[in-house]
Amino acid sequence: MANRVEEFNAFREKMNERILNVENRAIKRFFGVDTLTYEPGKLDAKTKEMLGLVSSMVLRCDDCISYHIQQCKKEGVTDEEMFEVFSVALVVGGSIVIPHLRRAVAFLDDLNKEE
C-alpha cells in the first residue's frame, strides 16, 4: 500500500488533470487565481503558505491542510514553526480543530519520513 503522502499527491494530480481538461473558463480562472495568490509579493511565499495552512485548519479541510503542509515544507518552514502555525489555528478555530491537528501532524510525520 502506498503511503498517505503518495496517495494524496497521486489523487490530487489525477483529479486536477481531469478537472482542468474540461473546457470551463470559471474553474480554470479560479485555479489560476489560487496559484497566483501564493506567489511572492508584499508577503513572501513562506508566509502565504503558513497563512493558507492556518486558514485550512480553521475551515477544517484535510486535503488543503495536507497540501499546505507540503508547500510549507518546500518553503523551508521548520517543524517548530509548523507547530506555531498549528497553535494559531487552534486559537482561531477552537477545539474543533483538534482532530484536524492530529491528521496534520500524522501527515507531517509521513512527509518527514520521505526526506
PDB file of N, CA and C in Angstrom:
ATOM      1  N   MET A   1       0.839  -1.185   0.000  1.00  0.00           N
ATOM      2  CA  MET A   1       0.000   0.000   0.000  1.00  0.00           C
ATOM      3  C   MET A   1       0.883   1.247   0.000  1.00  0.00           C
ATOM      4  N   ALA A   2       0.551   2.184  -0.844  1.00  0.00           N
ATOM      5  CA  ALA A   2       1.301   3.436  -0.903  1.00  0.00           C
ATOM      6  C   ALA A   2       1.065   4.226   0.376  1.00  0.00           C
ATOM      7  N   ASN A   3       2.036   5.037   0.745  1.00  0.00           N
ATOM      8  CA  ASN A   3       1.824   5.836   1.952  1.00  0.00           C
ATOM      9  C   ASN A   3       0.875   6.985   1.673  1.00  0.00           C
ATOM     10  N   ARG A   4       0.426   7.641   2.741  1.00  0.00           N
ATOM     11  CA  ARG A   4      -0.603   8.676   2.613  1.00  0.00           C
ATOM     12  C   ARG A   4      -0.130   9.865   1.791  1.00  0.00           C
ATOM     13  N   VAL A   5       1.155  10.206   1.828  1.00  0.00           N
ATOM     14  CA  VAL A   5       1.668  11.328   1.040  1.00  0.00           C
ATOM     15  C   VAL A   5       1.590  10.992  -0.446  1.00  0.00           C
ATOM     16  N   GLU A   6       2.050   9.801  -0.817  1.00  0.00           N
ATOM     17  CA  GLU A   6       1.988   9.376  -2.224  1.00  0.00           C
ATOM     18  C   GLU A   6       0.545   9.294  -2.707  1.00  0.00           C
ATOM     19  N   GLU A   7      -0.339   8.725  -1.895  1.00  0.00           N
ATOM     20  CA  GLU A   7      -1.753   8.622  -2.273  1.00  0.00           C
ATOM     21  C   GLU A   7      -2.374  10.000  -2.475  1.00  0.00           C
ATOM     22  N   PHE A   8      -2.082  10.897  -1.555  1.00  0.00           N
ATOM     23  CA  PHE A   8      -2.623  12.247  -1.653  1.00  0.00           C
ATOM     24  C   PHE A   8      -2.153  12.921  -2.936  1.00  0.00           C
ATOM     25  N   ASN A   9      -0.856  12.869  -3.206  1.00  0.00           N
ATOM     26  CA  ASN A   9      -0.302  13.530  -4.392  1.00  0.00           C
ATOM     27  C   ASN A   9      -0.815  12.911  -5.679  1.00  0.00           C
ATOM     28  N   ALA A  10      -0.909  11.593  -5.728  1.00  0.00           N
ATOM     29  CA  ALA A  10      -1.393  10.917  -6.933  1.00  0.00           C
ATOM     30  C   ALA A  10      -2.851  11.282  -7.217  1.00  0.00           C
ATOM     31  N   PHE A  11      -3.692  11.254  -6.194  1.00  0.00           N
ATOM     32  CA  PHE A  11      -5.107  11.578  -6.382  1.00  0.00           C
ATOM     33  C   PHE A  11      -5.276  13.037  -6.786  1.00  0.00           C
ATOM     34  N   ARG A  12      -4.561  13.925  -6.115  1.00  0.00           N
ATOM     35  CA  ARG A  12      -4.656  15.352  -6.417  1.00  0.00           C
ATOM     36  C   ARG A  12      -4.243  15.628  -7.860  1.00  0.00           C
ATOM     37  N   GLU A  13      -3.128  15.046  -8.280  1.00  0.00           N
ATOM     38  CA  GLU A  13      -2.648  15.242  -9.656  1.00  0.00           C
ATOM     39  C   GLU A  13      -3.651  14.695 -10.675  1.00  0.00           C
ATOM     40  N   LYS A  14      -4.139  13.492 -10.423  1.00  0.00           N
ATOM     41  CA  LYS A  14      -5.095  12.857 -11.342  1.00  0.00           C
ATOM     42  C   LYS A  14      -6.370  13.693 -11.477  1.00  0.00           C
ATOM     43  N   MET A  15      -6.913  14.129 -10.368  1.00  0.00           N
ATOM     44  CA  MET A  15      -8.176  14.853 -10.419  1.00  0.00           C
ATOM     45  C   MET A  15      -8.008  16.277 -10.931  1.00  0.00           C
ATOM     46  N   ASN A  16      -6.892  16.934 -10.606  1.00  0.00           N
ATOM     47  CA  ASN A  16      -6.653  18.262 -11.171  1.00  0.00           C
ATOM     48  C   ASN A  16      -6.559  18.181 -12.685  1.00  0.00           C
ATOM     49  N   GLU A  17      -5.869  17.170 -13.182  1.00  0.00           N
ATOM     50  CA  GLU A  17      -5.760  16.996 -14.626  1.00  0.00           C
ATOM     51  C   GLU A  17      -7.136  16.759 -15.241  1.00  0.00           C
ATOM     52  N   ARG A  18      -7.927  15.919 -14.609  1.00  0.00           N
ATOM     53  CA  ARG A  18      -9.281  15.624 -15.110  1.00  0.00           C
ATOM     54  C   ARG A  18     -10.120  16.904 -15.148  1.00  0.00           C
ATOM     55  N   ILE A  19     -10.101  17.650 -14.058  1.00  0.00           N
ATOM     56  CA  ILE A  19     -10.912  18.864 -13.948  1.00  0.00           C
ATOM     57  C   ILE A  19     -10.456  19.925 -14.944  1.00  0.00           C
ATOM     58  N   LEU A  20      -9.144  20.123 -15.064  1.00  0.00           N
ATOM     59  CA  LEU A  20      -8.639  21.185 -15.926  1.00  0.00           C
ATOM     60  C   LEU A  20      -8.693  20.837 -17.408  1.00  0.00           C
ATOM     61  N   ASN A  21      -8.972  19.568 -17.738  1.00  0.00           N
ATOM     62  CA  ASN A  21      -9.156  19.186 -19.137  1.00  0.00           C
ATOM     63  C   ASN A  21     -10.561  19.482 -19.645  1.00  0.00           C
ATOM     64  N   VAL A  22     -11.451  19.855 -18.754  1.00  0.00           N
ATOM     65  CA  VAL A  22     -12.800  20.260 -19.151  1.00  0.00           C
ATOM     66  C   VAL A  22     -12.747  21.740 -19.527  1.00  0.00           C
ATOM     67  N   GLU A  23     -13.404  22.091 -20.601  1.00  0.00           N
ATOM     68  CA  GLU A  23     -13.416  23.485 -21.031  1.00  0.00           C
ATOM     69  C   GLU A  23     -14.410  24.271 -20.185  1.00  0.00           C
ATOM     70  N   ASN A  24     -13.928  24.770 -19.059  1.00  0.00           N
ATOM     71  CA  ASN A  24     -14.744  25.598 -18.169  1.00  0.00           C
ATOM     72  C   ASN A  24     -13.870  26.752 -17.708  1.00  0.00           C
ATOM     73  N   ARG A  25     -14.125  27.902 -18.265  1.00  0.00           N
ATOM     74  CA  ARG A  25     -13.289  29.069 -18.013  1.00  0.00           C
ATOM     75  C   ARG A  25     -13.300  29.494 -16.543  1.00  0.00           C
ATOM     76  N   ALA A  26     -14.442  29.423 -15.890  1.00  0.00           N
ATOM     77  CA  ALA A  26     -14.532  29.847 -14.492  1.00  0.00           C
ATOM     78  C   ALA A  26     -13.651  28.971 -13.597  1.00  0.00           C
ATOM     79  N   ILE A  27     -13.710  27.659 -13.801  1.00  0.00           N
ATOM     80  CA  ILE A  27     -12.890  26.752 -12.995  1.00  0.00           C
ATOM     81  C   ILE A  27     -11.416  27.007 -13.267  1.00  0.00           C
ATOM     82  N   LYS A  28     -11.038  27.134 -14.533  1.00  0.00           N
ATOM     83  CA  LYS A  28      -9.633  27.373 -14.874  1.00  0.00           C
ATOM     84  C   LYS A  28      -9.140  28.690 -14.282  1.00  0.00           C
ATOM     85  N   ARG A  29      -9.969  29.708 -14.327  1.00  0.00           N
ATOM     86  CA  ARG A  29      -9.568  31.001 -13.762  1.00  0.00           C
ATOM     87  C   ARG A  29      -9.420  30.921 -12.253  1.00  0.00           C
ATOM     88  N   PHE A  30     -10.321  30.200 -11.601  1.00  0.00           N
ATOM     89  CA  PHE A  30     -10.207  30.062 -10.150  1.00  0.00           C
ATOM     90  C   PHE A  30      -8.915  29.350  -9.780  1.00  0.00           C
ATOM     91  N   PHE A  31      -8.603  28.267 -10.477  1.00  0.00           N
ATOM     92  CA  PHE A  31      -7.342  27.554 -10.229  1.00  0.00           C
ATOM     93  C   PHE A  31      -6.159  28.500 -10.451  1.00  0.00           C
ATOM     94  N   GLY A  32      -6.245  29.341 -11.482  1.00  0.00           N
ATOM     95  CA  GLY A  32      -5.177  30.295 -11.756  1.00  0.00           C
ATOM     96  C   GLY A  32      -5.017  31.333 -10.658  1.00  0.00           C
ATOM     97  N   VAL A  33      -6.140  31.847 -10.163  1.00  0.00           N
ATOM     98  CA  VAL A  33      -6.094  32.820  -9.068  1.00  0.00           C
ATOM     99  C   VAL A  33      -5.497  32.161  -7.824  1.00  0.00           C
ATOM    100  N   ASP A  34      -5.869  30.924  -7.566  1.00  0.00           N
ATOM    101  CA  ASP A  34      -5.325  30.196  -6.422  1.00  0.00           C
ATOM    102  C   ASP A  34      -3.807  30.099  -6.531  1.00  0.00           C
ATOM    103  N   THR A  35      -3.310  29.760  -7.701  1.00  0.00           N
ATOM    104  CA  THR A  35      -1.862  29.658  -7.911  1.00  0.00           C
ATOM    105  C   THR A  35      -1.192  31.012  -7.731  1.00  0.00           C
ATOM    106  N   LEU A  36      -1.755  32.051  -8.329  1.00  0.00           N
ATOM    107  CA  LEU A  36      -1.171  33.393  -8.236  1.00  0.00           C
ATOM    108  C   LEU A  36      -1.140  33.922  -6.807  1.00  0.00           C
ATOM    109  N   THR A  37      -2.120  33.567  -6.014  1.00  0.00           N
ATOM    110  CA  THR A  37      -2.219  34.070  -4.644  1.00  0.00           C
ATOM    111  C   THR A  37      -1.002  33.706  -3.810  1.00  0.00           C
ATOM    112  N   TYR A  38      -0.418  32.549  -4.056  1.00  0.00           N
ATOM    113  CA  TYR A  38       0.690  32.074  -3.230  1.00  0.00           C
ATOM    114  C   TYR A  38       2.068  32.451  -3.780  1.00  0.00           C
ATOM    115  N   GLU A  39       2.095  33.211  -4.875  1.00  0.00           N
ATOM    116  CA  GLU A  39       3.374  33.702  -5.380  1.00  0.00           C
ATOM    117  C   GLU A  39       3.867  34.833  -4.486  1.00  0.00           C
ATOM    118  N   PRO A  40       5.187  35.010  -4.392  1.00  0.00           N
ATOM    119  CA  PRO A  40       5.723  36.094  -3.569  1.00  0.00           C
ATOM    120  C   PRO A  40       5.234  37.457  -4.050  1.00  0.00           C
ATOM    121  N   GLY A  41       4.925  38.298  -3.103  1.00  0.00           N
ATOM    122  CA  GLY A  41       4.519  39.679  -3.374  1.00  0.00           C
ATOM    123  C   GLY A  41       5.005  40.506  -2.201  1.00  0.00           C
ATOM    124  N   LYS A  42       4.134  41.310  -1.629  1.00  0.00           N
ATOM    125  CA  LYS A  42       4.499  42.047  -0.411  1.00  0.00           C
ATOM    126  C   LYS A  42       4.743  41.070   0.739  1.00  0.00           C
ATOM    127  N   LEU A  43       4.076  39.913   0.676  1.00  0.00           N
ATOM    128  CA  LEU A  43       4.356  38.805   1.597  1.00  0.00           C
ATOM    129  C   LEU A  43       5.118  37.741   0.823  1.00  0.00           C
ATOM    130  N   ASP A  44       6.089  37.123   1.457  1.00  0.00           N
ATOM    131  CA  ASP A  44       6.812  36.056   0.775  1.00  0.00           C
ATOM    132  C   ASP A  44       5.972  34.784   0.725  1.00  0.00           C
ATOM    133  N   ALA A  45       6.373  33.857  -0.136  1.00  0.00           N
ATOM    134  CA  ALA A  45       5.616  32.621  -0.338  1.00  0.00           C
ATOM    135  C   ALA A  45       5.522  31.811   0.953  1.00  0.00           C
ATOM    136  N   LYS A  46       6.565  31.809   1.751  1.00  0.00           N
ATOM    137  CA  LYS A  46       6.560  31.062   3.018  1.00  0.00           C
ATOM    138  C   LYS A  46       5.449  31.573   3.932  1.00  0.00           C
ATOM    139  N   THR A  47       5.352  32.881   4.088  1.00  0.00           N
ATOM    140  CA  THR A  47       4.314  33.466   4.934  1.00  0.00           C
ATOM    141  C   THR A  47       2.928  33.147   4.397  1.00  0.00           C
ATOM    142  N   LYS A  48       2.767  33.273   3.076  1.00  0.00           N
ATOM    143  CA  LYS A  48       1.467  32.986   2.469  1.00  0.00           C
ATOM    144  C   LYS A  48       1.061  31.528   2.682  1.00  0.00           C
ATOM    145  N   GLU A  49       2.005  30.605   2.574  1.00  0.00           N
ATOM    146  CA  GLU A  49       1.678  29.195   2.798  1.00  0.00           C
ATOM    147  C   GLU A  49       1.298  28.931   4.253  1.00  0.00           C
ATOM    148  N   MET A  50       1.978  29.600   5.179  1.00  0.00           N
ATOM    149  CA  MET A  50       1.609  29.442   6.586  1.00  0.00           C
ATOM    150  C   MET A  50       0.206  30.001   6.842  1.00  0.00           C
ATOM    151  N   LEU A  51      -0.133  31.117   6.206  1.00  0.00           N
ATOM    152  CA  LEU A  51      -1.485  31.661   6.310  1.00  0.00           C
ATOM    153  C   LEU A  51      -2.510  30.696   5.709  1.00  0.00           C
ATOM    154  N   GLY A  52      -2.150  30.105   4.579  1.00  0.00           N
ATOM    155  CA  GLY A  52      -3.029  29.116   3.957  1.00  0.00           C
ATOM    156  C   GLY A  52      -3.253  27.913   4.854  1.00  0.00           C
ATOM    157  N   LEU A  53      -2.207  27.492   5.542  1.00  0.00           N
ATOM    158  CA  LEU A  53      -2.323  26.351   6.451  1.00  0.00           C
ATOM    159  C   LEU A  53      -3.244  26.677   7.622  1.00  0.00           C
ATOM    160  N   VAL A  54      -3.079  27.841   8.225  1.00  0.00           N
ATOM    161  CA  VAL A  54      -3.968  28.237   9.326  1.00  0.00           C
ATOM    162  C   VAL A  54      -5.419  28.274   8.838  1.00  0.00           C
ATOM    163  N   SER A  55      -5.638  28.912   7.699  1.00  0.00           N
ATOM    164  CA  SER A  55      -6.998  29.011   7.159  1.00  0.00           C
ATOM    165  C   SER A  55      -7.596  27.643   6.894  1.00  0.00           C
ATOM    166  N   SER A  56      -6.798  26.756   6.331  1.00  0.00           N
ATOM    167  CA  SER A  56      -7.281  25.407   6.012  1.00  0.00           C
ATOM    168  C   SER A  56      -7.640  24.634   7.266  1.00  0.00           C
ATOM    169  N   MET A  57      -6.856  24.821   8.320  1.00  0.00           N
ATOM    170  CA  MET A  57      -7.153  24.128   9.575  1.00  0.00           C
ATOM    171  C   MET A  57      -8.431  24.674  10.203  1.00  0.00           C
ATOM    172  N   VAL A  58      -8.588  25.996  10.180  1.00  0.00           N
ATOM    173  CA  VAL A  58      -9.785  26.598  10.762  1.00  0.00           C
ATOM    174  C   VAL A  58     -11.027  26.200   9.959  1.00  0.00           C
ATOM    175  N   LEU A  59     -10.879  26.112   8.643  1.00  0.00           N
ATOM    176  CA  LEU A  59     -12.004  25.700   7.791  1.00  0.00           C
ATOM    177  C   LEU A  59     -12.194  24.181   7.755  1.00  0.00           C
ATOM    178  N   ARG A  60     -11.244  23.457   8.356  1.00  0.00           N
ATOM    179  CA  ARG A  60     -11.311  22.006   8.539  1.00  0.00           C
ATOM    180  C   ARG A  60     -11.326  21.243   7.209  1.00  0.00           C
ATOM    181  N   CYS A  61     -10.392  21.604   6.341  1.00  0.00           N
ATOM    182  CA  CYS A  61     -10.242  20.914   5.050  1.00  0.00           C
ATOM    183  C   CYS A  61      -8.956  20.097   5.073  1.00  0.00           C
ATOM    184  N   ASP A  62      -9.074  18.792   5.288  1.00  0.00           N
ATOM    185  CA  ASP A  62      -7.886  17.948   5.408  1.00  0.00           C
ATOM    186  C   ASP A  62      -7.036  17.927   4.146  1.00  0.00           C
ATOM    187  N   ASP A  63      -7.651  17.930   2.961  1.00  0.00           N
ATOM    188  CA  ASP A  63      -6.865  17.978   1.727  1.00  0.00           C
ATOM    189  C   ASP A  63      -6.054  19.269   1.651  1.00  0.00           C
ATOM    190  N   CYS A  64      -6.688  20.377   1.992  1.00  0.00           N
ATOM    191  CA  CYS A  64      -5.986  21.669   1.961  1.00  0.00           C
ATOM    192  C   CYS A  64      -4.866  21.702   2.990  1.00  0.00           C
ATOM    193  N   ILE A  65      -5.128  21.133   4.167  1.00  0.00           N
ATOM    194  CA  ILE A  65      -4.107  21.076   5.210  1.00  0.00           C
ATOM    195  C   ILE A  65      -2.898  20.308   4.704  1.00  0.00           C
ATOM    196  N   SER A  66      -3.134  19.141   4.121  1.00  0.00           N
ATOM    197  CA  SER A  66      -2.028  18.328   3.600  1.00  0.00           C
ATOM    198  C   SER A  66      -1.254  19.088   2.529  1.00  0.00           C
ATOM    199  N   TYR A  67      -1.969  19.716   1.615  1.00  0.00           N
ATOM    200  CA  TYR A  67      -1.321  20.478   0.552  1.00  0.00           C
ATOM    201  C   TYR A  67      -0.444  21.592   1.138  1.00  0.00           C
ATOM    202  N   HIS A  68      -0.989  22.359   2.070  1.00  0.00           N
ATOM    203  CA  HIS A  68      -0.236  23.481   2.618  1.00  0.00           C
ATOM    204  C   HIS A  68       0.921  23.017   3.500  1.00  0.00           C
ATOM    205  N   ILE A  69       0.798  21.883   4.139  1.00  0.00           N
ATOM    206  CA  ILE A  69       1.943  21.344   4.882  1.00  0.00           C
ATOM    207  C   ILE A  69       3.084  21.055   3.908  1.00  0.00           C
ATOM    208  N   GLN A  70       2.765  20.429   2.774  1.00  0.00           N
ATOM    209  CA  GLN A  70       3.805  20.156   1.779  1.00  0.00           C
ATOM    210  C   GLN A  70       4.420  21.443   1.262  1.00  0.00           C
ATOM    211  N   GLN A  71       3.587  22.421   0.970  1.00  0.00           N
ATOM    212  CA  GLN A  71       4.090  23.686   0.438  1.00  0.00           C
ATOM    213  C   GLN A  71       4.914  24.419   1.494  1.00  0.00           C
ATOM    214  N   CYS A  72       4.480  24.376   2.734  1.00  0.00           N
ATOM    215  CA  CYS A  72       5.255  24.992   3.815  1.00  0.00           C
ATOM    216  C   CYS A  72       6.637  24.354   3.908  1.00  0.00           C
ATOM    217  N   LYS A  73       6.690  23.032   3.838  1.00  0.00           N
ATOM    218  CA  LYS A  73       7.989  22.349   3.895  1.00  0.00           C
ATOM    219  C   LYS A  73       8.860  22.781   2.721  1.00  0.00           C
ATOM    220  N   LYS A  74       8.274  22.894   1.524  1.00  0.00           N
ATOM    221  CA  LYS A  74       9.033  23.339   0.350  1.00  0.00           C
ATOM    222  C   LYS A  74       9.570  24.752   0.532  1.00  0.00           C
ATOM    223  N   GLU A  75       8.846  25.573   1.288  1.00  0.00           N
ATOM    224  CA  GLU A  75       9.266  26.959   1.528  1.00  0.00           C
ATOM    225  C   GLU A  75      10.196  27.078   2.719  1.00  0.00           C
ATOM    226  N   GLY A  76      10.550  25.942   3.331  1.00  0.00           N
ATOM    227  CA  GLY A  76      11.528  25.965   4.407  1.00  0.00           C
ATOM    228  C   GLY A  76      10.969  26.115   5.809  1.00  0.00           C
ATOM    229  N   VAL A  77       9.668  25.926   5.972  1.00  0.00           N
ATOM    230  CA  VAL A  77       9.077  26.006   7.303  1.00  0.00           C
ATOM    231  C   VAL A  77       9.569  24.811   8.124  1.00  0.00           C
ATOM    232  N   THR A  78      10.131  25.082   9.275  1.00  0.00           N
ATOM    233  CA  THR A  78      10.626  24.020  10.147  1.00  0.00           C
ATOM    234  C   THR A  78       9.469  23.394  10.915  1.00  0.00           C
ATOM    235  N   ASP A  79       9.719  22.238  11.499  1.00  0.00           N
ATOM    236  CA  ASP A  79       8.680  21.602  12.314  1.00  0.00           C
ATOM    237  C   ASP A  79       8.304  22.486  13.497  1.00  0.00           C
ATOM    238  N   GLU A  80       9.270  23.177  14.076  1.00  0.00           N
ATOM    239  CA  GLU A  80       8.985  24.074  15.196  1.00  0.00           C
ATOM    240  C   GLU A  80       8.061  25.219  14.749  1.00  0.00           C
ATOM    241  N   GLU A  81       8.335  25.769  13.570  1.00  0.00           N
ATOM    242  CA  GLU A  81       7.458  26.809  13.028  1.00  0.00           C
ATOM    243  C   GLU A  81       6.087  26.236  12.709  1.00  0.00           C
ATOM    244  N   MET A  82       6.052  25.011  12.194  1.00  0.00           N
ATOM    245  CA  MET A  82       4.785  24.370  11.858  1.00  0.00           C
ATOM    246  C   MET A  82       3.895  24.271  13.097  1.00  0.00           C
ATOM    247  N   PHE A  83       4.493  23.893  14.230  1.00  0.00           N
ATOM    248  CA  PHE A  83       3.692  23.766  15.443  1.00  0.00           C
ATOM    249  C   PHE A  83       3.216  25.130  15.949  1.00  0.00           C
ATOM    250  N   GLU A  84       3.941  26.191  15.658  1.00  0.00           N
ATOM    251  CA  GLU A  84       3.433  27.524  15.985  1.00  0.00           C
ATOM    252  C   GLU A  84       2.252  27.880  15.095  1.00  0.00           C
ATOM    253  N   VAL A  85       2.332  27.496  13.830  1.00  0.00           N
ATOM    254  CA  VAL A  85       1.203  27.686  12.917  1.00  0.00           C
ATOM    255  C   VAL A  85      -0.002  26.904  13.437  1.00  0.00           C
ATOM    256  N   PHE A  86       0.220  25.663  13.846  1.00  0.00           N
ATOM    257  CA  PHE A  86      -0.860  24.845  14.398  1.00  0.00           C
ATOM    258  C   PHE A  86      -1.485  25.526  15.616  1.00  0.00           C
ATOM    259  N   SER A  87      -0.659  26.132  16.458  1.00  0.00           N
ATOM    260  CA  SER A  87      -1.202  26.776  17.661  1.00  0.00           C
ATOM    261  C   SER A  87      -2.077  27.972  17.313  1.00  0.00           C
ATOM    262  N   VAL A  88      -1.692  28.727  16.272  1.00  0.00           N
ATOM    263  CA  VAL A  88      -2.528  29.844  15.823  1.00  0.00           C
ATOM    264  C   VAL A  88      -3.872  29.301  15.336  1.00  0.00           C
ATOM    265  N   ALA A  89      -3.851  28.229  14.573  1.00  0.00           N
ATOM    266  CA  ALA A  89      -5.091  27.634  14.074  1.00  0.00           C
ATOM    267  C   ALA A  89      -5.994  27.188  15.223  1.00  0.00           C
ATOM    268  N   LEU A  90      -5.407  26.617  16.260  1.00  0.00           N
ATOM    269  CA  LEU A  90      -6.197  26.188  17.419  1.00  0.00           C
ATOM    270  C   LEU A  90      -6.847  27.368  18.126  1.00  0.00           C
ATOM    271  N   VAL A  91      -6.102  28.450  18.293  1.00  0.00           N
ATOM    272  CA  VAL A  91      -6.647  29.624  18.967  1.00  0.00           C
ATOM    273  C   VAL A  91      -7.780  30.232  18.140  1.00  0.00           C
ATOM    274  N   VAL A  92      -7.570  30.324  16.838  1.00  0.00           N
ATOM    275  CA  VAL A  92      -8.583  30.922  15.968  1.00  0.00           C
ATOM    276  C   VAL A  92      -9.785  29.998  15.812  1.00  0.00           C
ATOM    277  N   GLY A  93      -9.532  28.702  15.620  1.00  0.00           N
ATOM    278  CA  GLY A  93     -10.613  27.774  15.308  1.00  0.00           C
ATOM    279  C   GLY A  93     -11.227  27.067  16.493  1.00  0.00           C
ATOM    280  N   GLY A  94     -10.513  27.002  17.599  1.00  0.00           N
ATOM    281  CA  GLY A  94     -11.049  26.333  18.776  1.00  0.00           C
ATOM    282  C   GLY A  94     -10.825  24.831  18.750  1.00  0.00           C
ATOM    283  N   SER A  95     -11.434  24.167  19.705  1.00  0.00           N
ATOM    284  CA  SER A  95     -11.186  22.735  19.907  1.00  0.00           C
ATOM    285  C   SER A  95     -11.643  21.867  18.742  1.00  0.00           C
ATOM    286  N   ILE A  96     -12.535  22.375  17.904  1.00  0.00           N
ATOM    287  CA  ILE A  96     -12.986  21.580  16.753  1.00  0.00           C
ATOM    288  C   ILE A  96     -11.835  21.334  15.770  1.00  0.00           C
ATOM    289  N   VAL A  97     -10.759  22.102  15.888  1.00  0.00           N
ATOM    290  CA  VAL A  97      -9.590  21.933  15.032  1.00  0.00           C
ATOM    291  C   VAL A  97      -8.730  20.740  15.480  1.00  0.00           C
ATOM    292  N   ILE A  98      -8.895  20.279  16.712  1.00  0.00           N
ATOM    293  CA  ILE A  98      -8.024  19.233  17.253  1.00  0.00           C
ATOM    294  C   ILE A  98      -7.975  17.966  16.385  1.00  0.00           C
ATOM    295  N   PRO A  99      -9.106  17.423  15.895  1.00  0.00           N
ATOM    296  CA  PRO A  99      -8.995  16.234  15.026  1.00  0.00           C
ATOM    297  C   PRO A  99      -8.174  16.503  13.768  1.00  0.00           C
ATOM    298  N   HIS A 100      -8.275  17.707  13.244  1.00  0.00           N
ATOM    299  CA  HIS A 100      -7.520  18.075  12.043  1.00  0.00           C
ATOM    300  C   HIS A 100      -6.050  18.289  12.378  1.00  0.00           C
ATOM    301  N   LEU A 101      -5.781  18.746  13.579  1.00  0.00           N
ATOM    302  CA  LEU A 101      -4.412  18.858  14.054  1.00  0.00           C
ATOM    303  C   LEU A 101      -3.770  17.479  14.127  1.00  0.00           C
ATOM    304  N   ARG A 102      -4.507  16.504  14.622  1.00  0.00           N
ATOM    305  CA  ARG A 102      -3.975  15.136  14.693  1.00  0.00           C
ATOM    306  C   ARG A 102      -3.594  14.631  13.304  1.00  0.00           C
ATOM    307  N   ARG A 103      -4.503  14.810  12.339  1.00  0.00           N
ATOM    308  CA  ARG A 103      -4.218  14.342  10.976  1.00  0.00           C
ATOM    309  C   ARG A 103      -3.097  15.158  10.341  1.00  0.00           C
ATOM    310  N   ALA A 104      -3.030  16.445  10.667  1.00  0.00           N
ATOM    311  CA  ALA A 104      -1.953  17.294  10.141  1.00  0.00           C
ATOM    312  C   ALA A 104      -0.597  16.814  10.633  1.00  0.00           C
ATOM    313  N   VAL A 105      -0.499  16.508  11.921  1.00  0.00           N
ATOM    314  CA  VAL A 105       0.773  16.041  12.480  1.00  0.00           C
ATOM    315  C   VAL A 105       1.128  14.672  11.908  1.00  0.00           C
ATOM    316  N   ALA A 106       0.145  13.810  11.722  1.00  0.00           N
ATOM    317  CA  ALA A 106       0.412  12.500  11.118  1.00  0.00           C
ATOM    318  C   ALA A 106       0.929  12.668   9.689  1.00  0.00           C
ATOM    319  N   PHE A 107       0.335  13.585   8.921  1.00  0.00           N
ATOM    320  CA  PHE A 107       0.783  13.840   7.553  1.00  0.00           C
ATOM    321  C   PHE A 107       2.192  14.422   7.562  1.00  0.00           C
ATOM    322  N   LEU A 108       2.447  15.363   8.460  1.00  0.00           N
ATOM    323  CA  LEU A 108       3.778  15.946   8.588  1.00  0.00           C
ATOM    324  C   LEU A 108       4.809  14.876   8.917  1.00  0.00           C
ATOM    325  N   ASP A 109       4.466  13.986   9.831  1.00  0.00           N
ATOM    326  CA  ASP A 109       5.383  12.890  10.177  1.00  0.00           C
ATOM    327  C   ASP A 109       5.675  11.999   8.978  1.00  0.00           C
ATOM    328  N   ASP A 110       4.627  11.694   8.195  1.00  0.00           N
ATOM    329  CA  ASP A 110       4.835  10.874   6.992  1.00  0.00           C
ATOM    330  C   ASP A 110       5.694  11.612   5.971  1.00  0.00           C
ATOM    331  N   LEU A 111       5.462  12.901   5.828  1.00  0.00           N
ATOM    332  CA  LEU A 111       6.255  13.693   4.901  1.00  0.00           C
ATOM    333  C   LEU A 111       7.726  13.745   5.344  1.00  0.00           C
ATOM    334  N   ASN A 112       7.943  13.881   6.638  1.00  0.00           N
ATOM    335  CA  ASN A 112       9.313  13.906   7.160  1.00  0.00           C
ATOM    336  C   ASN A 112      10.033  12.571   6.952  1.00  0.00           C
ATOM    337  N   LYS A 113       9.317  11.471   6.954  1.00  0.00           N
ATOM    338  CA  LYS A 113       9.921  10.157   6.725  1.00  0.00           C
ATOM    339  C   LYS A 113      10.477  10.052   5.314  1.00  0.00           C
ATOM    340  N   GLU A 114       9.866  10.787   4.374  1.00  0.00           N
ATOM    341  CA  GLU A 114      10.296  10.760   2.974  1.00  0.00           C
ATOM    342  C   GLU A 114      11.578  11.555   2.744  1.00  0.00           C
ATOM    343  N   GLU A 115      11.892  12.465   3.654  1.00  0.00           N
ATOM    344  CA  GLU A 115      13.069  13.333   3.462  1.00  0.00           C
ATOM    345  C   GLU A 115      14.358  12.611   3.759  1.00  0.00           C
TER     346      GLU A 115
END
